[in-house]
Amino acid sequence: MPDTFCPECGAKMFFDISAKTFICTGCGIFATREQVSELRYRLKDQDNEKRKKRREHGEYLEWWLSKK
């Protein structure tokens, strides 16, 4: 099984076979495979939204400065 990293803190996660969950060695979060995927998806979506806002701000700033 490839190394899995925590979507919250980035530490390594290991798979507990008896509980069928991933457990983070850094922050202690435990989650199923589906929950880990959902966390990653949500964080990726938040990052994309932040990038979009920065790009829009940069475009506005460029427009504003070009008018002066």
N, C-alpha and C. Protein backbone atom coordinates (compact mmCIF):
# COMPACT_ATOMS: atom_id res chain seq x y z
N MET A 1 0.84 -1.17 0.00
CA MET A 1 0.00 0.00 0.00
C MET A 1 0.89 1.25 0.00
N PRO A 2 0.62 2.20 -0.89
CA PRO A 2 1.44 3.41 -0.93
C PRO A 2 1.25 4.24 0.33
N ASP A 3 2.25 5.07 0.60
CA ASP A 3 2.17 5.95 1.76
C ASP A 3 0.98 6.90 1.61
N THR A 4 0.26 7.09 2.68
CA THR A 4 -0.86 8.02 2.70
C THR A 4 -0.53 9.12 3.68
N PHE A 5 -0.81 10.34 3.29
CA PHE A 5 -0.52 11.49 4.13
C PHE A 5 -1.81 12.17 4.55
N CYS A 6 -1.81 12.69 5.75
CA CYS A 6 -2.99 13.32 6.34
C CYS A 6 -3.35 14.60 5.59
N PRO A 7 -4.61 14.73 5.20
CA PRO A 7 -5.03 15.96 4.52
C PRO A 7 -5.07 17.17 5.46
N GLU A 8 -5.13 16.93 6.76
CA GLU A 8 -5.18 18.03 7.73
C GLU A 8 -3.80 18.59 8.06
N CYS A 9 -2.85 17.69 8.40
CA CYS A 9 -1.54 18.18 8.87
C CYS A 9 -0.37 17.73 7.99
N GLY A 10 -0.57 16.77 7.11
CA GLY A 10 0.48 16.32 6.20
C GLY A 10 1.36 15.20 6.74
N ALA A 11 1.11 14.75 7.97
CA ALA A 11 1.91 13.65 8.54
C ALA A 11 1.48 12.32 7.91
N LYS A 12 2.30 11.30 8.11
CA LYS A 12 1.97 9.98 7.58
C LYS A 12 0.77 9.39 8.30
N MET A 13 -0.03 8.65 7.55
CA MET A 13 -1.16 7.93 8.12
C MET A 13 -0.89 6.44 7.94
N PHE A 14 -1.31 5.65 8.90
CA PHE A 14 -1.21 4.20 8.73
C PHE A 14 -2.60 3.60 8.81
N PHE A 15 -2.75 2.44 8.19
CA PHE A 15 -4.05 1.78 8.11
C PHE A 15 -4.18 0.76 9.22
N ASP A 16 -5.21 0.91 10.04
CA ASP A 16 -5.51 -0.03 11.10
C ASP A 16 -6.47 -1.07 10.53
N ILE A 17 -5.98 -2.28 10.32
CA ILE A 17 -6.77 -3.32 9.68
C ILE A 17 -8.00 -3.69 10.50
N SER A 18 -7.85 -3.79 11.81
CA SER A 18 -8.98 -4.21 12.65
C SER A 18 -10.12 -3.20 12.63
N ALA A 19 -9.80 -1.91 12.62
CA ALA A 19 -10.83 -0.87 12.60
C ALA A 19 -11.17 -0.41 11.18
N LYS A 20 -10.35 -0.83 10.21
CA LYS A 20 -10.52 -0.44 8.80
C LYS A 20 -10.56 1.08 8.64
N THR A 21 -9.63 1.74 9.32
CA THR A 21 -9.51 3.20 9.23
C THR A 21 -8.05 3.60 9.11
N PHE A 22 -7.84 4.78 8.58
CA PHE A 22 -6.51 5.39 8.55
C PHE A 22 -6.36 6.23 9.81
N ILE A 23 -5.18 6.19 10.42
CA ILE A 23 -4.90 6.96 11.62
C ILE A 23 -3.66 7.80 11.36
N CYS A 24 -3.76 9.10 11.66
CA CYS A 24 -2.65 10.03 11.44
C CYS A 24 -1.69 9.96 12.62
N THR A 25 -0.40 9.91 12.31
CA THR A 25 0.63 9.88 13.36
C THR A 25 0.91 11.28 13.89
N GLY A 26 0.45 12.31 13.20
CA GLY A 26 0.70 13.69 13.63
C GLY A 26 -0.41 14.25 14.49
N CYS A 27 -1.61 14.35 13.92
CA CYS A 27 -2.72 15.00 14.64
C CYS A 27 -3.70 14.01 15.26
N GLY A 28 -3.57 12.73 14.94
CA GLY A 28 -4.40 11.71 15.56
C GLY A 28 -5.76 11.50 14.91
N ILE A 29 -6.03 12.19 13.82
CA ILE A 29 -7.31 12.01 13.14
C ILE A 29 -7.42 10.57 12.63
N PHE A 30 -8.60 10.01 12.69
CA PHE A 30 -8.82 8.69 12.10
C PHE A 30 -10.03 8.77 11.19
N ALA A 31 -9.92 8.12 10.04
CA ALA A 31 -10.98 8.22 9.04
C ALA A 31 -10.93 7.02 8.11
N THR A 32 -12.07 6.73 7.53
CA THR A 32 -12.13 5.67 6.52
C THR A 32 -11.52 6.20 5.23
N ARG A 33 -11.34 5.31 4.29
CA ARG A 33 -10.79 5.70 2.99
C ARG A 33 -11.67 6.77 2.33
N GLU A 34 -12.99 6.60 2.43
CA GLU A 34 -13.91 7.56 1.83
C GLU A 34 -13.83 8.92 2.51
N GLN A 35 -13.69 8.91 3.83
CA GLN A 35 -13.58 10.17 4.56
C GLN A 35 -12.29 10.90 4.23
N VAL A 36 -11.20 10.16 4.08
CA VAL A 36 -9.92 10.78 3.69
C VAL A 36 -10.05 11.40 2.30
N SER A 37 -10.68 10.68 1.39
CA SER A 37 -10.89 11.22 0.04
C SER A 37 -11.74 12.48 0.07
N GLU A 38 -12.80 12.48 0.88
CA GLU A 38 -13.67 13.65 0.99
C GLU A 38 -12.92 14.84 1.58
N LEU A 39 -12.09 14.61 2.59
CA LEU A 39 -11.29 15.70 3.17
C LEU A 39 -10.35 16.29 2.13
N ARG A 40 -9.69 15.43 1.36
CA ARG A 40 -8.77 15.92 0.32
C ARG A 40 -9.52 16.72 -0.73
N TYR A 41 -10.69 16.22 -1.14
CA TYR A 41 -11.48 16.92 -2.14
C TYR A 41 -11.90 18.30 -1.64
N ARG A 42 -12.37 18.37 -0.38
CA ARG A 42 -12.81 19.63 0.20
C ARG A 42 -11.66 20.62 0.30
N LEU A 43 -10.48 20.16 0.75
CA LEU A 43 -9.32 21.05 0.87
C LEU A 43 -8.85 21.53 -0.49
N LYS A 44 -8.89 20.64 -1.49
CA LYS A 44 -8.49 21.03 -2.84
C LYS A 44 -9.45 22.09 -3.39
N ASP A 45 -10.74 21.92 -3.12
CA ASP A 45 -11.74 22.88 -3.56
C ASP A 45 -11.51 24.24 -2.90
N GLN A 46 -11.18 24.25 -1.61
CA GLN A 46 -10.89 25.50 -0.90
C GLN A 46 -9.65 26.17 -1.48
N ASP A 47 -8.62 25.39 -1.79
CA ASP A 47 -7.41 25.96 -2.39
C ASP A 47 -7.70 26.58 -3.75
N ASN A 48 -8.52 25.90 -4.55
CA ASN A 48 -8.87 26.43 -5.87
C ASN A 48 -9.63 27.75 -5.73
N GLU A 49 -10.51 27.84 -4.74
CA GLU A 49 -11.27 29.07 -4.51
C GLU A 49 -10.33 30.21 -4.12
N LYS A 50 -9.34 29.93 -3.27
CA LYS A 50 -8.37 30.96 -2.85
C LYS A 50 -7.56 31.44 -4.05
N ARG A 51 -7.13 30.49 -4.91
CA ARG A 51 -6.36 30.87 -6.10
C ARG A 51 -7.18 31.75 -7.02
N LYS A 52 -8.46 31.42 -7.17
CA LYS A 52 -9.34 32.19 -8.04
C LYS A 52 -9.47 33.62 -7.51
N LYS A 53 -9.64 33.78 -6.19
CA LYS A 53 -9.76 35.11 -5.60
C LYS A 53 -8.48 35.91 -5.77
N ARG A 54 -7.31 35.25 -5.59
CA ARG A 54 -6.04 35.96 -5.78
C ARG A 54 -5.86 36.40 -7.22
N ARG A 55 -6.26 35.53 -8.16
CA ARG A 55 -6.14 35.87 -9.58
C ARG A 55 -7.04 37.06 -9.91
N GLU A 56 -8.29 37.03 -9.41
CA GLU A 56 -9.22 38.13 -9.66
C GLU A 56 -8.69 39.43 -9.06
N HIS A 57 -8.12 39.34 -7.86
CA HIS A 57 -7.55 40.53 -7.23
C HIS A 57 -6.39 41.08 -8.05
N GLY A 58 -5.54 40.17 -8.53
CA GLY A 58 -4.40 40.59 -9.35
C GLY A 58 -4.84 41.24 -10.64
N GLU A 59 -5.89 40.71 -11.28
CA GLU A 59 -6.40 41.29 -12.51
C GLU A 59 -6.99 42.68 -12.25
N TYR A 60 -7.71 42.82 -11.13
CA TYR A 60 -8.28 44.12 -10.78
C TYR A 60 -7.18 45.12 -10.49
N LEU A 61 -6.18 44.71 -9.73
CA LEU A 61 -5.07 45.60 -9.41
C LEU A 61 -4.35 46.03 -10.68
N GLU A 62 -4.13 45.11 -11.58
CA GLU A 62 -3.47 45.45 -12.85
C GLU A 62 -4.31 46.46 -13.62
N TRP A 63 -5.62 46.24 -13.67
CA TRP A 63 -6.51 47.17 -14.36
C TRP A 63 -6.46 48.55 -13.70
N TRP A 64 -6.53 48.58 -12.35
CA TRP A 64 -6.53 49.83 -11.62
C TRP A 64 -5.25 50.60 -11.86
N LEU A 65 -4.12 49.94 -11.81
CA LEU A 65 -2.84 50.62 -12.00
C LEU A 65 -2.64 51.08 -13.44
N SER A 66 -3.23 50.41 -14.39
CA SER A 66 -3.07 50.80 -15.79
C SER A 66 -3.83 52.08 -16.11
N LYS A 67 -4.84 52.41 -15.32
CA LYS A 67 -5.65 53.61 -15.56
C LYS A 67 -5.00 54.87 -15.02
N LYS A 68 -3.99 54.74 -14.21
CA LYS A 68 -3.37 55.91 -13.58
C LYS A 68 -2.37 56.55 -14.48
